[in-house]
N, C-alpha and C. Protein backbone atom coordinates (compact mmCIF):
# COMPACT_ATOMS: atom_id res chain seq x y z
N MET A 1 -7.57 23.18 -86.07
CA MET A 1 -8.84 22.87 -86.27
C MET A 1 -8.65 22.28 -88.05
N LYS A 2 -9.46 20.81 -87.99
CA LYS A 2 -9.39 19.78 -89.02
C LYS A 2 -10.32 20.44 -89.87
N GLY A 3 -10.36 20.22 -91.26
CA GLY A 3 -10.90 20.83 -91.98
C GLY A 3 -11.62 19.86 -92.88
N LYS A 4 -12.71 19.84 -93.95
CA LYS A 4 -13.27 18.84 -94.35
C LYS A 4 -12.46 17.98 -95.34
N ARG A 5 -12.93 16.77 -94.69
CA ARG A 5 -11.97 15.81 -95.78
C ARG A 5 -12.77 15.23 -97.24
N PHE A 6 -11.55 15.19 -98.00
CA PHE A 6 -12.25 15.30 -99.58
C PHE A 6 -11.89 13.70 -99.59
N SER A 7 -13.03 13.44 -100.80
CA SER A 7 -13.04 11.89 -101.10
C SER A 7 -12.40 11.76 -102.38
N GLU A 8 -11.89 10.83 -102.52
CA GLU A 8 -11.08 10.29 -104.02
C GLU A 8 -11.55 10.96 -105.42
N GLN A 9 -12.77 10.75 -105.34
CA GLN A 9 -13.39 11.36 -106.33
C GLN A 9 -13.70 12.74 -106.27
N GLU A 10 -13.71 13.71 -105.43
CA GLU A 10 -13.83 14.74 -105.39
C GLU A 10 -12.61 15.31 -105.45
N ILE A 11 -11.13 15.23 -105.25
CA ILE A 11 -9.85 15.59 -105.32
C ILE A 11 -9.56 15.16 -106.87
N VAL A 12 -9.95 13.83 -107.48
CA VAL A 12 -9.69 13.30 -108.92
C VAL A 12 -10.27 15.00 -109.77
N ALA A 13 -11.66 15.12 -109.44
CA ALA A 13 -12.39 16.28 -109.87
C ALA A 13 -11.83 17.63 -109.69
N ILE A 14 -11.43 17.91 -108.65
CA ILE A 14 -10.32 19.44 -108.39
C ILE A 14 -9.46 19.39 -109.32
N LEU A 15 -8.44 18.58 -109.17
CA LEU A 15 -7.55 18.17 -110.40
C LEU A 15 -7.76 18.10 -111.41
N ARG A 16 -8.76 17.54 -112.26
CA ARG A 16 -9.20 17.98 -113.30
C ARG A 16 -9.83 19.29 -113.80
N GLU A 17 -10.21 19.67 -112.89
CA GLU A 17 -10.85 21.27 -113.12
C GLU A 17 -9.58 22.32 -113.22
N ALA A 18 -8.54 21.87 -112.44
CA ALA A 18 -7.08 22.58 -112.50
C ALA A 18 -6.85 22.49 -113.97
N GLU A 19 -6.80 21.52 -114.35
CA GLU A 19 -6.11 20.83 -115.52
C GLU A 19 -6.85 21.57 -117.09
N ARG A 20 -8.15 22.23 -116.94
CA ARG A 20 -8.58 22.63 -118.18
C ARG A 20 -8.25 23.76 -117.90
N GLY A 21 -7.25 24.56 -116.91
CA GLY A 21 -6.99 25.60 -116.74
C GLY A 21 -8.27 26.74 -117.09
N ASP A 22 -9.29 26.83 -116.44
CA ASP A 22 -10.76 27.68 -116.73
C ASP A 22 -10.44 29.03 -115.93
N GLN A 23 -9.69 28.60 -114.89
CA GLN A 23 -9.32 29.26 -113.24
C GLN A 23 -8.17 29.33 -113.15
N THR A 24 -7.65 30.24 -112.23
CA THR A 24 -6.43 29.76 -111.54
C THR A 24 -6.06 29.23 -110.50
N ILE A 25 -5.02 28.61 -109.91
CA ILE A 25 -5.19 27.93 -109.22
C ILE A 25 -5.60 28.45 -107.88
N ALA A 26 -5.19 29.76 -107.65
CA ALA A 26 -5.79 30.63 -106.22
C ALA A 26 -6.93 30.86 -106.11
N ASP A 27 -7.58 30.84 -107.74
CA ASP A 27 -9.19 30.91 -107.52
C ASP A 27 -9.80 29.65 -107.36
N LEU A 28 -8.86 28.69 -107.72
CA LEU A 28 -9.66 27.29 -107.98
C LEU A 28 -9.88 26.64 -106.68
N CYS A 29 -8.70 27.23 -105.44
CA CYS A 29 -8.68 26.73 -104.03
C CYS A 29 -9.87 27.47 -103.36
N ARG A 30 -9.80 28.79 -103.68
CA ARG A 30 -10.57 29.70 -102.75
C ARG A 30 -11.73 29.05 -103.22
N ALA A 31 -12.14 28.82 -104.37
CA ALA A 31 -13.98 28.28 -104.56
C ALA A 31 -14.03 26.87 -103.79
N HIS A 32 -13.25 25.82 -103.64
CA HIS A 32 -13.15 24.86 -103.07
C HIS A 32 -12.63 24.79 -101.37
N GLY A 33 -12.52 25.81 -101.13
CA GLY A 33 -12.23 25.98 -99.60
C GLY A 33 -11.03 25.09 -99.68
N ILE A 34 -9.56 25.10 -100.06
CA ILE A 34 -8.47 24.29 -99.65
C ILE A 34 -7.19 25.25 -99.92
N ALA A 35 -6.30 24.96 -99.15
CA ALA A 35 -5.56 25.64 -100.05
C ALA A 35 -4.45 25.37 -100.54
N ASP A 36 -3.50 25.82 -101.08
CA ASP A 36 -3.00 26.38 -101.99
C ASP A 36 -1.96 25.02 -102.04
N HIS A 37 -1.26 25.06 -100.94
CA HIS A 37 -0.60 23.78 -100.45
C HIS A 37 -1.21 22.34 -100.44
N THR A 38 -2.37 22.07 -100.28
CA THR A 38 -2.72 21.40 -100.07
C THR A 38 -3.27 20.69 -101.59
N PHE A 39 -3.61 21.89 -102.68
CA PHE A 39 -3.70 21.85 -103.98
C PHE A 39 -2.24 20.84 -104.72
N TYR A 40 -1.39 21.51 -104.46
CA TYR A 40 -0.33 20.99 -104.74
C TYR A 40 0.62 19.73 -104.22
N ARG A 41 -0.32 19.48 -102.83
CA ARG A 41 0.35 18.30 -102.52
C ARG A 41 -0.71 17.16 -103.06
N TRP A 42 -2.02 17.35 -103.29
CA TRP A 42 -2.82 16.33 -103.87
C TRP A 42 -2.15 16.05 -105.41
N ARG A 43 -1.61 17.16 -106.10
CA ARG A 43 -1.38 17.11 -107.32
C ARG A 43 0.04 16.30 -107.47
N ARG A 44 0.84 16.38 -106.87
CA ARG A 44 2.02 15.62 -106.61
C ARG A 44 1.62 14.07 -106.42
N GLN A 45 0.56 14.01 -105.47
CA GLN A 45 0.52 12.34 -104.67
C GLN A 45 -0.71 11.89 -105.76
N PHE A 46 -1.64 12.47 -106.47
CA PHE A 46 -2.39 11.89 -106.99
C PHE A 46 -2.70 12.19 -108.70
N GLY A 47 -1.98 13.21 -109.19
CA GLY A 47 -2.24 14.04 -110.02
C GLY A 47 -2.25 12.99 -111.40
N SER A 48 -1.76 11.86 -111.14
CA SER A 48 -0.90 11.26 -112.68
C SER A 48 -2.29 9.88 -112.21
N LEU A 49 -2.69 9.34 -111.44
CA LEU A 49 -3.54 8.37 -111.16
C LEU A 49 -5.08 8.77 -111.45
N PRO A 50 -5.72 7.56 -112.17
CA PRO A 50 -7.04 7.35 -112.78
C PRO A 50 -7.85 7.30 -111.12
N ALA A 51 -9.03 7.41 -111.14
CA ALA A 51 -9.68 7.14 -109.75
C ALA A 51 -9.58 5.95 -109.46
N PRO A 52 -9.93 4.78 -110.23
CA PRO A 52 -10.13 3.30 -109.77
C PRO A 52 -8.62 3.26 -109.26
N GLU A 53 -7.63 3.38 -109.91
CA GLU A 53 -5.85 3.37 -109.06
C GLU A 53 -5.78 4.24 -107.82
N LEU A 54 -6.30 5.49 -107.66
CA LEU A 54 -6.33 6.08 -106.48
C LEU A 54 -7.26 5.37 -105.45
N ARG A 55 -7.92 4.97 -105.56
CA ARG A 55 -9.40 3.89 -105.09
C ARG A 55 -8.08 3.18 -104.19
N ARG A 56 -7.60 2.20 -105.22
CA ARG A 56 -6.63 0.93 -104.95
C ARG A 56 -5.59 1.59 -104.00
N LEU A 57 -5.04 2.86 -104.42
CA LEU A 57 -3.61 3.58 -103.22
C LEU A 57 -4.09 3.45 -102.05
N ARG A 58 -5.31 3.87 -101.93
CA ARG A 58 -6.02 4.17 -100.45
C ARG A 58 -6.03 2.79 -99.68
N GLU A 59 -6.84 1.85 -100.52
CA GLU A 59 -6.97 0.75 -99.88
C GLU A 59 -5.65 0.06 -99.34
N LEU A 60 -4.25 -0.02 -100.45
CA LEU A 60 -3.03 -0.27 -99.98
C LEU A 60 -2.62 0.42 -98.67
N GLU A 61 -2.98 1.59 -98.51
CA GLU A 61 -2.26 2.56 -97.50
C GLU A 61 -2.74 2.25 -96.45
N LYS A 62 -4.36 1.75 -96.01
CA LYS A 62 -4.72 1.45 -94.56
C LYS A 62 -4.19 -0.17 -94.73
N GLU A 63 -3.90 -0.90 -95.66
CA GLU A 63 -3.77 -2.43 -95.13
C GLU A 63 -2.33 -2.13 -94.58
N ASN A 64 -1.59 -1.34 -95.17
CA ASN A 64 -0.05 -1.32 -94.63
C ASN A 64 -0.05 -0.79 -93.33
N ALA A 65 -0.92 0.33 -93.09
CA ALA A 65 -0.75 0.78 -91.90
C ALA A 65 -1.71 -0.62 -90.65
N ARG A 66 -2.46 -1.04 -90.98
CA ARG A 66 -2.97 -2.18 -90.09
C ARG A 66 -1.80 -3.63 -90.25
N LEU A 67 -0.91 -3.75 -91.09
CA LEU A 67 0.39 -4.49 -91.33
C LEU A 67 1.08 -4.03 -89.87
N LYS A 68 1.46 -2.60 -90.34
CA LYS A 68 2.30 -2.10 -89.30
C LYS A 68 1.82 -2.30 -87.70
N ARG A 69 1.19 -1.65 -87.51
CA ARG A 69 0.45 -1.97 -86.28
C ARG A 69 0.45 -3.46 -85.87
N ILE A 70 0.50 -4.45 -86.87
CA ILE A 70 0.14 -6.06 -86.16
C ILE A 70 1.72 -6.35 -85.90
N VAL A 71 2.60 -5.97 -86.44
CA VAL A 71 4.29 -6.04 -86.54
C VAL A 71 5.04 -5.36 -85.18
N VAL A 72 4.02 -3.71 -85.27
CA VAL A 72 4.83 -3.24 -83.36
C VAL A 72 3.92 -4.00 -81.90
N ASP A 73 3.11 -4.73 -82.24
CA ASP A 73 2.17 -5.35 -81.82
C ASP A 73 2.86 -6.88 -80.84
N ARG A 74 3.55 -6.83 -82.38
CA ARG A 74 4.29 -8.50 -82.07
C ARG A 74 5.45 -8.15 -81.78
N ASP A 75 5.87 -7.45 -81.82
CA ASP A 75 7.52 -6.83 -81.29
C ASP A 75 7.31 -6.48 -79.73
N LEU A 76 6.51 -6.14 -79.52
CA LEU A 76 5.76 -5.57 -77.82
C LEU A 76 5.84 -7.19 -77.43
N GLU A 77 4.74 -8.24 -77.83
CA GLU A 77 5.06 -9.49 -77.12
C GLU A 77 6.29 -9.78 -77.02
N ILE A 78 6.78 -10.28 -78.35
CA ILE A 78 8.15 -10.44 -77.72
C ILE A 78 9.12 -9.84 -76.53
N ASP A 79 9.17 -9.14 -76.69
CA ASP A 79 9.76 -7.96 -75.59
C ASP A 79 9.49 -8.44 -74.31
N ALA A 80 8.11 -8.56 -74.31
CA ALA A 80 7.72 -8.98 -72.94
C ALA A 80 7.88 -10.20 -72.65
N LEU A 81 8.15 -11.16 -73.32
CA LEU A 81 8.26 -12.79 -73.37
C LEU A 81 9.87 -12.80 -72.90
N ARG A 82 10.65 -12.00 -73.83
CA ARG A 82 12.29 -11.84 -73.56
C ARG A 82 12.69 -11.61 -71.86
N GLU A 83 11.92 -10.67 -71.38
CA GLU A 83 12.04 -10.29 -70.54
C GLU A 83 11.42 -11.30 -69.20
N LEU A 84 10.37 -11.99 -69.48
CA LEU A 84 10.29 -12.75 -68.86
C LEU A 84 10.64 -13.94 -69.00
N VAL A 85 11.40 -14.60 -69.69
CA VAL A 85 12.32 -15.44 -69.64
C VAL A 85 13.95 -15.02 -69.32
N SER A 86 14.34 -13.71 -69.21
CA SER A 86 15.36 -13.37 -68.76
C SER A 86 15.30 -13.26 -67.02
N LYS A 87 14.27 -12.96 -66.65
CA LYS A 87 13.85 -13.14 -64.93
C LYS A 87 13.59 -14.42 -64.60
N ASN A 88 13.58 -15.26 -64.98
CA ASN A 88 12.99 -16.79 -64.74
C ASN A 88 14.64 -17.32 -64.68
N TYR A 89 15.59 -16.73 -65.34
CA TYR A 89 16.75 -17.46 -65.09
C TYR A 89 17.92 -17.02 -65.09
């Protein structure tokens, strides 16, 4: 079952809250309804990034995924054309 999807601002806020050290990581995760593993993954991925850079990272990831889909589609078209050309000769 898929859980709640947190925005970049929410992730950064949770990570900053953990940096303050008011609560243990386990208590913080329980309060926000996330797994410990999710917190540590977020910290590894986003911990050193400020919010604007985090937003830019997300945009770049989306653009990269779009470009990868374009390349795959282009490769499929090339394979189909090669197969068509080989049948004609």
